[in-house]
Amino acid sequence: MDWEVVIGLEIHAQLATRSKIFSGASTAYGAAPNTQACAVDLGLPGVLPVLNAEVVRMAAKFGLATHATVARRSVFARKNYFYPDLPKGYQISQYELPVVHDGWIDIDVNETETRRIGITRAHLEEDAGKSLHEDFHGETGIDLNRAGTPLLEIVSEPDMRSAAEAVAYMKKIHALVRYLEICDGNMQEGSFRCDANVSIRPRGQEAFGTRTEIKNINSFRFVERAINYEIERQIEVLEGGGAVVQETRLYDADRNETRPMRSKEEANDYRYFPDPDLLPVEIDQAFIDAVERDLPELPDARRDRFMTQYGLSHFDAGVLTSSREMADFYESTVAAAGGEGKLSANWVMGELSGLLNRDGKDITASPVSPELLGGMLQRISDGTISGKIAKQVFEAMWNGEGDADTVIDRKGLKQITDSGAIEQMIRDVLQANPKQLEQYKAGQEKLFGFFVGQVMKATQGKANPGEVNKLLKQILEE
């Protein structure tokens, strides 16, 4: 049977506030267990939550950036369930009246096709603590440092039809929250994670199939693998005559499989009701206008500008704006290179990204600054060095040997552009290879490349390639 996949994602983005959503305790990562959990986070009797206004501003920022409605009035509710790392026995979240609803973003399916993914809602809530299972000899340790950390849960419409689309959507949201500076996007630390709801149905059927939820996936690669595994599992169940059970499943990356965790709860299982300790959140148009004025240039707008301003392809502009840091680095490089947009793009996406990946560095920690890279690109543009020699210069700059001019002078890498000198070298090469010259004149024109290579070898790559090609052609036609 021809099956259609239906996917929706629930993304949890930890908001980049210094203190928690309902208390003044620190949100800094990596502290010793239970040293950043105050009386409010611990759920001690008699304490009252106080809303951190910054989380509302950050949520509104996200809403405006995703074409969504920012609610003038939203309400916090209690979501009741028992778990050892949830000290109050309930989680403060938003249910019927979220702060953001009915938005969308566009994702690139390929270089020519985009797909619009709806965002049902984005609501504020507090995180739970963390259960630690290692080193406790059959017992579980509870670390409540994370309890009360502010989260924005971003719930998509079930608009995605493949694991690749789900990854593209997740990457787009990841880039967006980092552009907005409302989340650091650190997946290793759990600042950005997602749950995937997956179902299948016969192609053409309108009704959705039974969905399963895969919990807490914290990498793009694992999201794709987990969804693809779950698709195959559900197809196998249905084609074998069985029925998919609505449940929550965990993804085991080591075994590349999902396995049951618990039956999937419905909203009424959580017994939501408005939190009596928190007033409704009411914001006015002046607040929304102030947030809108604070919005940065967003990824799609920046991509379109890069295409227009620097003459880049849709693909190249998309890569360069995939993170705010890379886009900033690129624009600074273009400025330092005297406006060389395409050349700068090639080097940032090529040689620079290659060495960053090789050395496991983020672009913000690049040993070669935009100013250094731009200075080297100017030397390519003015003919001082060739693109091939530039790779040697770049490697030396990466190793801390100085700027481009220093490296070029110290290593004697300046390109030979003197026509007379190049002509003499060409004649020397032709004289040293009479057999190949005879074969070329007999019609083996592919030997032209051989002669170019010999000249470049004789000059240690320093001869201007364009000049070599031009003069060699003239001499061979004599």
Protein backbone atom coordinates (compact mmCIF):
# COMPACT_ATOMS: atom_id res chain seq x y z
CA MET A 1 0.00 0.00 0.00
CA ASP A 2 1.08 3.59 -0.64
CA TRP A 3 1.36 5.24 2.77
CA GLU A 4 1.49 8.94 3.62
CA VAL A 5 3.40 10.12 6.68
CA VAL A 6 2.01 12.81 8.98
CA ILE A 7 4.41 14.52 11.41
CA GLY A 8 4.05 17.27 13.97
CA LEU A 9 6.80 18.50 16.32
CA GLU A 10 6.67 19.90 19.82
CA ILE A 11 9.88 21.85 20.37
CA HIS A 12 10.99 22.90 23.85
CA ALA A 13 13.24 25.97 23.73
CA GLN A 14 14.81 27.00 27.04
CA LEU A 15 14.54 30.77 27.28
CA ALA A 16 17.80 32.64 27.82
CA THR A 17 16.87 34.44 31.02
CA ARG A 18 19.27 34.78 33.93
CA SER A 19 16.63 33.73 36.46
CA LYS A 20 13.78 31.22 36.44
CA ILE A 21 10.24 31.75 35.26
CA PHE A 22 8.65 32.07 38.72
CA SER A 23 11.62 32.66 41.04
CA GLY A 24 14.90 34.56 41.26
CA ALA A 25 17.05 31.41 41.24
CA SER A 26 19.82 31.22 38.64
CA THR A 27 19.41 29.32 35.37
CA ALA A 28 23.19 28.93 34.81
CA TYR A 29 24.13 25.50 33.48
CA GLY A 30 26.52 23.11 35.20
CA ALA A 31 26.17 23.95 38.90
CA ALA A 32 26.43 21.22 41.54
CA PRO A 33 23.11 19.35 41.99
CA ASN A 34 20.40 21.15 43.96
CA THR A 35 22.41 24.35 44.52
CA GLN A 36 20.22 26.48 42.25
CA ALA A 37 16.78 25.44 43.50
CA CYS A 38 15.12 27.91 45.87
CA ALA A 39 12.02 27.44 48.04
CA VAL A 40 9.71 28.24 45.10
CA ASP A 41 11.40 25.69 42.83
CA LEU A 42 11.25 23.06 45.56
CA GLY A 43 7.50 23.60 46.02
CA LEU A 44 7.78 24.25 49.75
CA PRO A 45 4.53 25.15 51.58
CA GLY A 46 3.56 28.82 51.66
CA VAL A 47 5.66 30.04 48.73
CA LEU A 48 4.13 31.89 45.79
CA PRO A 49 5.31 32.10 42.17
CA VAL A 50 6.03 35.52 40.64
CA LEU A 51 6.15 35.72 36.84
CA ASN A 52 9.43 36.80 35.22
CA ALA A 53 8.37 39.56 32.77
CA GLU A 54 11.30 38.83 30.46
CA VAL A 55 9.82 35.46 29.44
CA VAL A 56 6.69 37.21 28.17
CA ARG A 57 8.81 39.61 26.10
CA MET A 58 10.77 36.69 24.62
CA ALA A 59 7.60 34.76 23.79
CA ALA A 60 6.12 37.84 22.09
CA LYS A 61 9.35 38.22 20.10
CA PHE A 62 8.95 34.67 18.82
CA GLY A 63 5.29 35.23 18.01
CA LEU A 64 5.98 38.34 15.94
CA ALA A 65 8.82 36.58 14.09
CA THR A 66 6.51 33.69 13.09
CA HIS A 67 3.56 35.78 11.83
CA ALA A 68 1.54 34.61 14.84
CA THR A 69 -1.00 36.28 17.08
CA VAL A 70 0.45 37.50 20.37
CA ALA A 71 -2.42 37.14 22.84
CA ARG A 72 -3.40 40.26 24.77
CA ARG A 73 -4.56 37.93 27.55
CA SER A 74 -3.07 34.54 28.42
CA VAL A 75 -3.51 32.29 31.44
CA PHE A 76 -1.26 29.92 33.36
CA ALA A 77 -2.68 26.55 34.33
CA ARG A 78 -1.65 23.65 36.53
CA LYS A 79 -0.86 20.46 34.66
CA ASN A 80 -1.17 17.70 37.24
CA TYR A 81 0.97 14.59 37.14
CA PHE A 82 3.32 12.79 39.50
CA TYR A 83 6.97 12.31 38.74
CA PRO A 84 9.91 12.23 41.18
CA ASP A 85 11.60 15.31 39.68
CA LEU A 86 8.39 17.40 39.76
CA PRO A 87 8.40 18.56 43.40
CA LYS A 88 5.01 20.33 43.46
CA GLY A 89 3.14 17.41 41.90
CA TYR A 90 2.07 19.70 39.05
CA GLN A 91 3.71 21.77 36.34
CA ILE A 92 2.77 25.39 35.74
CA SER A 93 2.06 25.66 32.02
CA GLN A 94 -0.43 27.27 29.64
CA TYR A 95 -3.32 25.35 28.15
CA GLU A 96 -6.48 26.97 26.76
CA LEU A 97 -5.11 30.52 26.45
CA PRO A 98 -1.44 30.44 25.33
CA VAL A 99 0.63 33.59 24.86
CA VAL A 100 1.24 32.88 21.12
CA HIS A 101 -0.99 31.09 18.61
CA ASP A 102 -1.69 30.62 14.89
CA GLY A 103 1.67 31.33 13.23
CA TRP A 104 3.74 29.81 10.44
CA ILE A 105 7.20 29.53 8.91
CA ASP A 106 8.37 28.47 5.45
CA ILE A 107 10.94 25.71 5.03
CA ASP A 108 13.01 24.89 1.96
CA VAL A 109 12.13 21.46 0.58
CA ASN A 110 14.74 21.90 -2.16
CA GLU A 111 16.37 24.81 -4.01
CA THR A 112 13.15 25.70 -5.83
CA GLU A 113 10.34 24.53 -3.53
CA THR A 114 9.22 25.79 -0.14
CA ARG A 115 6.59 24.42 2.21
CA ARG A 116 4.59 26.36 4.79
CA ILE A 117 4.40 24.77 8.24
CA GLY A 118 1.76 26.01 10.64
CA ILE A 119 2.51 26.77 14.27
CA THR A 120 -0.53 25.95 16.39
CA ARG A 121 0.74 27.59 19.55
CA ALA A 122 3.79 28.56 21.56
CA HIS A 123 3.17 28.56 25.28
CA LEU A 124 5.20 29.30 28.38
CA GLU A 125 5.87 26.72 31.07
CA GLU A 126 8.36 25.71 33.72
CA ASP A 127 10.78 22.84 33.25
CA ALA A 128 10.93 19.89 35.64
CA GLY A 129 14.04 18.71 37.45
CA LYS A 130 16.27 15.91 36.25
CA SER A 131 16.43 12.26 37.29
CA LEU A 132 19.98 10.86 37.43
CA HIS A 133 20.38 7.11 37.05
CA GLU A 134 24.15 6.70 36.89
CA ASP A 135 26.34 6.01 39.95
CA PHE A 136 23.47 5.48 42.36
CA HIS A 137 23.60 1.65 42.58
CA GLY A 138 20.02 0.82 41.65
CA GLU A 139 18.59 4.08 42.96
CA THR A 140 17.73 7.37 41.24
CA GLY A 141 19.18 10.76 42.16
CA ILE A 142 17.09 13.91 41.77
CA ASP A 143 18.67 17.21 40.70
CA LEU A 144 16.20 20.10 40.94
CA ASN A 145 18.49 22.80 39.52
CA ARG A 146 16.51 22.75 36.28
CA ALA A 147 13.11 22.92 38.02
CA GLY A 148 11.46 26.23 37.19
CA THR A 149 13.68 26.99 34.18
CA PRO A 150 11.55 28.87 31.61
CA LEU A 151 10.52 27.00 28.48
CA LEU A 152 8.72 28.05 25.34
CA GLU A 153 6.94 24.99 23.94
CA ILE A 154 6.41 25.45 20.19
CA VAL A 155 3.72 23.14 18.81
CA SER A 156 3.50 22.72 15.04
CA GLU A 157 0.52 21.72 12.95
CA PRO A 158 0.77 18.14 11.56
CA ASP A 159 1.99 19.60 8.26
CA MET A 160 5.22 17.68 7.66
CA ARG A 161 5.26 14.67 5.35
CA SER A 162 8.78 13.27 5.77
CA ALA A 163 11.57 13.05 8.32
CA ALA A 164 13.63 15.39 6.11
CA GLU A 165 10.90 18.05 6.30
CA ALA A 166 10.76 17.64 10.08
CA VAL A 167 14.51 18.21 10.32
CA ALA A 168 14.29 21.25 8.03
CA TYR A 169 11.52 22.71 10.22
CA MET A 170 13.45 22.02 13.42
CA LYS A 171 16.60 23.63 11.98
CA LYS A 172 14.59 26.68 10.92
CA ILE A 173 13.13 27.10 14.42
CA HIS A 174 16.60 26.53 15.92
CA ALA A 175 18.11 29.27 13.73
CA LEU A 176 15.20 31.60 14.49
CA VAL A 177 15.37 31.40 18.30
CA ARG A 178 19.11 32.04 18.11
CA TYR A 179 18.64 35.03 15.78
CA LEU A 180 16.10 36.39 18.26
CA GLU A 181 18.56 35.69 21.13
CA ILE A 182 15.80 34.09 23.19
CA CYS A 183 17.47 30.64 23.38
CA ASP A 184 21.10 29.55 23.03
CA GLY A 185 20.01 26.44 21.10
CA ASN A 186 22.52 24.22 22.91
CA MET A 187 21.17 20.74 22.28
CA GLN A 188 23.89 18.98 24.27
CA GLU A 189 22.80 20.86 27.40
CA GLY A 190 19.10 20.26 26.71
CA SER A 191 18.31 23.89 25.87
CA PHE A 192 16.62 22.83 22.64
CA ARG A 193 14.88 19.49 22.32
CA CYS A 194 11.80 18.09 20.66
CA ASP A 195 9.05 15.49 20.78
CA ALA A 196 7.89 14.08 17.45
CA ASN A 197 4.31 12.96 16.80
CA VAL A 198 4.24 10.44 13.96
CA SER A 199 1.39 8.66 12.20
CA ILE A 200 0.74 7.12 8.80
CA ARG A 201 -2.36 6.80 6.65
CA PRO A 202 -3.19 5.46 3.19
CA ARG A 203 -2.36 8.16 0.67
CA GLY A 204 -5.50 10.11 -0.20
CA GLN A 205 -7.23 9.42 3.13
CA GLU A 206 -8.24 12.59 5.01
CA ALA A 207 -8.53 11.13 8.51
CA PHE A 208 -5.30 10.89 10.49
CA GLY A 209 -3.91 7.57 11.60
CA THR A 210 -3.13 6.72 15.24
CA ARG A 211 -0.08 8.70 16.33
CA THR A 212 2.79 7.89 18.60
CA GLU A 213 4.95 10.45 20.35
CA ILE A 214 8.74 10.08 20.47
CA LYS A 215 10.02 11.97 23.51
CA ASN A 216 13.03 14.21 24.15
CA ILE A 217 15.14 13.93 20.99
CA ASN A 218 18.12 16.27 21.21
CA SER A 219 19.85 16.24 17.83
CA PHE A 220 18.83 16.80 14.22
CA ARG A 221 20.36 13.47 13.20
CA PHE A 222 18.47 11.56 15.88
CA VAL A 223 15.19 13.26 14.95
CA GLU A 224 15.55 12.03 11.38
CA ARG A 225 16.59 8.52 12.40
CA ALA A 226 13.89 8.19 15.08
CA ILE A 227 11.10 9.32 12.75
CA ASN A 228 12.24 7.07 9.90
CA TYR A 229 12.42 4.09 12.26
CA GLU A 230 8.95 4.84 13.62
CA ILE A 231 7.51 5.15 10.09
CA GLU A 232 8.87 1.73 9.15
CA ARG A 233 7.65 0.22 12.43
CA GLN A 234 4.10 1.51 11.95
CA ILE A 235 3.96 0.35 8.33
CA GLU A 236 5.12 -3.09 9.41
CA VAL A 237 2.46 -3.23 12.16
CA LEU A 238 -0.38 -2.19 9.85
CA GLU A 239 0.66 -4.33 6.90
CA GLY A 240 0.95 -7.25 9.29
CA GLY A 241 -2.69 -6.86 10.25
CA GLY A 242 -2.09 -5.16 13.60
CA ALA A 243 -3.08 -1.76 14.95
CA VAL A 244 -0.83 1.11 16.01
CA VAL A 245 -1.24 1.88 19.71
CA GLN A 246 -1.33 5.53 20.81
CA GLU A 247 1.60 5.75 23.19
CA THR A 248 4.75 7.65 24.16
CA ARG A 249 7.97 6.05 22.98
CA LEU A 250 11.66 6.66 23.66
CA TYR A 251 14.34 6.64 20.98
CA ASP A 252 17.42 4.50 21.68
CA ALA A 253 20.22 6.00 19.56
CA ASP A 254 22.59 3.08 20.23
CA ARG A 255 20.13 0.54 18.85
CA ASN A 256 18.43 2.95 16.45
CA GLU A 257 14.97 1.97 17.60
CA THR A 258 11.99 3.36 19.48
CA ARG A 259 10.44 1.50 22.38
CA PRO A 260 7.31 2.00 24.49
CA MET A 261 7.55 4.32 27.49
CA ARG A 262 3.91 4.76 28.58
CA SER A 263 0.42 5.00 27.11
CA LYS A 264 -0.21 8.43 25.61
CA GLU A 265 -2.12 10.72 27.97
CA GLU A 266 -4.97 12.94 26.85
CA ALA A 267 -5.43 16.50 28.11
CA ASN A 268 -8.12 15.43 30.58
CA ASP A 269 -5.66 13.03 32.23
CA TYR A 270 -3.69 16.08 33.41
CA ARG A 271 -6.74 17.78 35.02
CA TYR A 272 -5.77 21.27 33.83
CA PHE A 273 -7.20 24.22 35.73
CA PRO A 274 -6.14 27.90 36.00
CA ASP A 275 -3.37 28.39 38.55
CA PRO A 276 -4.95 30.29 41.48
CA ASP A 277 -1.57 31.79 42.47
CA LEU A 278 -0.98 33.58 39.15
CA LEU A 279 -2.99 36.39 37.61
CA PRO A 280 -3.81 36.30 33.89
CA VAL A 281 -1.06 37.88 31.77
CA GLU A 282 -2.38 41.01 30.09
CA ILE A 283 -0.25 42.96 27.61
CA ASP A 284 -1.12 46.04 25.57
CA GLN A 285 -0.29 47.21 22.05
CA ALA A 286 2.47 49.49 23.33
CA PHE A 287 4.28 46.41 24.73
CA ILE A 288 3.92 44.55 21.43
CA ASP A 289 5.10 47.59 19.45
CA ALA A 290 8.18 47.90 21.67
CA VAL A 291 9.01 44.21 21.11
CA GLU A 292 8.55 44.58 17.36
CA ARG A 293 10.96 47.53 17.25
CA ASP A 294 13.54 45.32 18.94
CA LEU A 295 13.35 42.53 16.35
CA PRO A 296 16.59 41.87 14.42
CA GLU A 297 16.74 41.19 10.68
CA LEU A 298 15.31 37.66 10.47
CA PRO A 299 16.89 34.74 8.56
CA ASP A 300 14.58 34.78 5.52
CA ALA A 301 14.85 38.55 5.08
CA ARG A 302 18.62 38.39 5.46
CA ARG A 303 18.85 35.54 2.94
CA ASP A 304 16.85 37.54 0.39
CA ARG A 305 19.03 40.60 0.98
CA PHE A 306 22.22 38.55 0.52
CA MET A 307 20.88 37.33 -2.83
CA THR A 308 20.11 40.87 -3.99
CA GLN A 309 23.05 42.74 -2.45
CA TYR A 310 25.83 40.21 -3.02
CA GLY A 311 24.54 38.32 -6.06
CA LEU A 312 24.42 34.97 -4.24
CA SER A 313 22.35 31.95 -5.18
CA HIS A 314 19.37 30.95 -3.03
CA PHE A 315 21.37 27.98 -1.72
CA ASP A 316 24.52 29.95 -0.84
CA ALA A 317 22.52 32.72 0.84
CA GLY A 318 20.57 30.10 2.80
CA VAL A 319 23.75 28.44 4.07
CA LEU A 320 25.33 31.76 5.07
CA THR A 321 22.23 32.89 6.99
CA SER A 322 21.62 29.54 8.69
CA SER A 323 23.10 31.05 11.85
CA ARG A 324 23.36 34.65 12.95
CA GLU A 325 27.04 34.18 13.75
CA MET A 326 27.91 32.91 10.26
CA ALA A 327 25.92 35.68 8.58
CA ASP A 328 27.69 38.31 10.71
CA PHE A 329 31.09 36.75 9.93
CA TYR A 330 30.32 36.74 6.20
CA GLU A 331 29.20 40.36 6.07
CA SER A 332 32.28 41.49 8.00
CA THR A 333 34.45 39.52 5.56
CA VAL A 334 32.78 41.16 2.55
CA ALA A 335 33.42 44.59 4.06
CA ALA A 336 37.09 43.76 4.72
CA ALA A 337 37.46 42.29 1.21
CA GLY A 338 36.25 45.47 -0.43
CA GLY A 339 32.79 44.20 -1.36
CA GLU A 340 33.80 40.84 -2.88
CA GLY A 341 30.49 39.05 -2.15
CA LYS A 342 30.81 35.84 -4.17
CA LEU A 343 34.51 35.30 -3.43
CA SER A 344 33.85 35.82 0.30
CA ALA A 345 30.95 33.35 0.19
CA ASN A 346 33.13 30.70 -1.46
CA TRP A 347 35.81 31.02 1.20
CA VAL A 348 33.49 31.19 4.22
CA MET A 349 31.50 28.15 3.06
CA GLY A 350 34.55 26.31 1.73
CA GLU A 351 38.00 26.61 3.26
CA LEU A 352 36.91 28.31 6.51
CA SER A 353 34.05 25.90 7.23
CA GLY A 354 36.28 22.95 6.36
CA LEU A 355 38.93 23.91 8.90
CA LEU A 356 36.31 24.76 11.54
CA ASN A 357 34.84 21.27 11.12
CA ARG A 358 38.28 19.67 11.14
CA ASP A 359 39.24 21.35 14.40
CA GLY A 360 35.79 21.18 16.01
CA LYS A 361 35.53 24.95 16.38
CA ASP A 362 32.53 27.26 16.26
CA ILE A 363 32.78 30.17 13.82
CA THR A 364 32.91 32.59 16.76
CA ALA A 365 36.19 30.92 17.78
CA SER A 366 37.79 31.02 14.31
CA PRO A 367 41.55 31.75 14.49
CA VAL A 368 41.13 33.71 11.24
CA SER A 369 38.98 36.78 11.80
CA PRO A 370 36.79 38.33 9.07
CA GLU A 371 39.34 41.14 8.79
CA LEU A 372 42.21 38.71 8.21
CA LEU A 373 40.21 36.69 5.69
CA GLY A 374 39.03 39.81 3.88
CA GLY A 375 42.59 41.11 3.68
CA MET A 376 43.70 37.86 2.04
CA LEU A 377 40.81 37.96 -0.43
CA GLN A 378 41.95 41.43 -1.50
CA ARG A 379 45.30 39.89 -2.45
CA ILE A 380 43.50 37.36 -4.65
CA SER A 381 41.47 40.14 -6.27
CA ASP A 382 44.48 42.35 -7.02
CA GLY A 383 46.47 39.45 -8.45
CA THR A 384 49.12 39.33 -5.71
CA ILE A 385 48.39 35.63 -5.14
CA SER A 386 46.40 32.98 -6.98
CA GLY A 387 43.47 31.09 -5.50
CA LYS A 388 45.68 28.01 -5.15
CA ILE A 389 48.44 29.85 -3.29
CA ALA A 390 45.75 31.50 -1.14
CA LYS A 391 45.09 28.10 0.45
CA GLN A 392 48.69 28.03 1.71
CA VAL A 393 48.33 31.59 2.99
CA PHE A 394 45.05 30.76 4.73
CA GLU A 395 46.53 27.70 6.45
CA ALA A 396 49.44 29.82 7.71
CA MET A 397 47.05 32.49 9.00
CA TRP A 398 45.01 29.74 10.71
CA ASN A 399 48.19 28.63 12.47
CA GLY A 400 48.83 32.14 13.76
CA GLU A 401 51.64 33.16 11.40
CA GLY A 402 50.31 36.68 10.83
CA ASP A 403 48.15 38.45 8.26
CA ALA A 404 48.14 37.71 4.53
CA ASP A 405 50.78 40.30 3.58
CA THR A 406 53.14 39.03 6.29
CA VAL A 407 52.74 35.41 5.20
CA ILE A 408 53.11 36.23 1.48
CA ASP A 409 56.31 38.22 2.06
CA ARG A 410 57.88 35.77 4.50
CA LYS A 411 57.20 32.71 2.33
CA GLY A 412 57.84 34.43 -1.00
CA LEU A 413 54.39 33.54 -2.36
CA LYS A 414 53.78 36.62 -4.51
CA GLN A 415 52.32 35.66 -7.87
CA ILE A 416 54.54 36.06 -10.96
CA THR A 417 52.68 38.35 -13.35
CA ASP A 418 55.58 39.57 -15.49
CA SER A 419 54.71 38.48 -19.03
CA GLY A 420 58.33 38.29 -20.14
CA ALA A 421 59.31 35.98 -17.28
CA ILE A 422 56.29 33.74 -17.85
CA GLU A 423 56.95 33.57 -21.61
CA GLN A 424 60.54 32.46 -21.00
CA MET A 425 59.36 29.74 -18.60
CA ILE A 426 56.86 28.49 -21.18
CA ARG A 427 59.57 28.28 -23.86
CA ASP A 428 61.84 26.42 -21.41
CA VAL A 429 59.05 23.89 -20.71
CA LEU A 430 58.32 23.36 -24.40
CA GLN A 431 62.02 22.89 -25.12
CA ALA A 432 62.28 20.33 -22.31
CA ASN A 433 59.32 18.32 -23.65
CA PRO A 434 59.83 18.01 -27.44
CA LYS A 435 57.91 14.71 -27.72
CA GLN A 436 54.78 16.16 -26.08
CA LEU A 437 55.09 19.30 -28.20
CA GLU A 438 55.19 17.18 -31.36
CA GLN A 439 52.15 15.20 -30.22
CA TYR A 440 50.24 18.42 -29.45
CA LYS A 441 50.95 19.79 -32.92
CA ALA A 442 49.81 16.45 -34.36
CA GLY A 443 46.35 17.03 -32.84
CA GLN A 444 46.55 15.85 -29.22
CA GLU A 445 45.22 19.11 -27.82
CA LYS A 446 44.61 17.68 -24.36
CA LEU A 447 48.37 18.07 -23.81
CA PHE A 448 47.72 21.80 -23.37
CA GLY A 449 46.87 21.05 -19.74
CA PHE A 450 50.14 19.13 -19.39
CA PHE A 451 52.15 22.18 -20.46
CA VAL A 452 50.20 24.45 -18.09
CA GLY A 453 50.92 22.05 -15.24
CA GLN A 454 54.63 21.95 -16.07
CA VAL A 455 54.85 25.76 -16.09
CA MET A 456 53.02 25.98 -12.76
CA LYS A 457 55.30 23.30 -11.34
CA ALA A 458 58.40 25.17 -12.53
CA THR A 459 57.18 28.34 -10.83
CA GLN A 460 56.01 26.52 -7.66
CA GLY A 461 52.47 27.62 -8.43
CA LYS A 462 53.36 31.32 -8.44
CA ALA A 463 52.73 32.08 -12.11
CA ASN A 464 49.45 33.83 -12.86
CA PRO A 465 47.31 30.99 -14.34
CA GLY A 466 45.38 33.29 -16.65
CA GLU A 467 48.56 34.77 -18.06
CA VAL A 468 50.08 31.30 -18.46
CA ASN A 469 47.07 30.07 -20.46
CA LYS A 470 47.01 33.17 -22.67
CA LEU A 471 50.74 33.18 -23.45
CA LEU A 472 50.96 29.41 -23.91
CA LYS A 473 48.17 29.52 -26.47
CA GLN A 474 49.91 32.31 -28.38
CA ILE A 475 53.28 30.52 -28.40
CA LEU A 476 51.80 27.18 -29.48
CA GLU A 477 50.10 28.91 -32.40
CA GLU A 478 53.37 30.45 -33.68
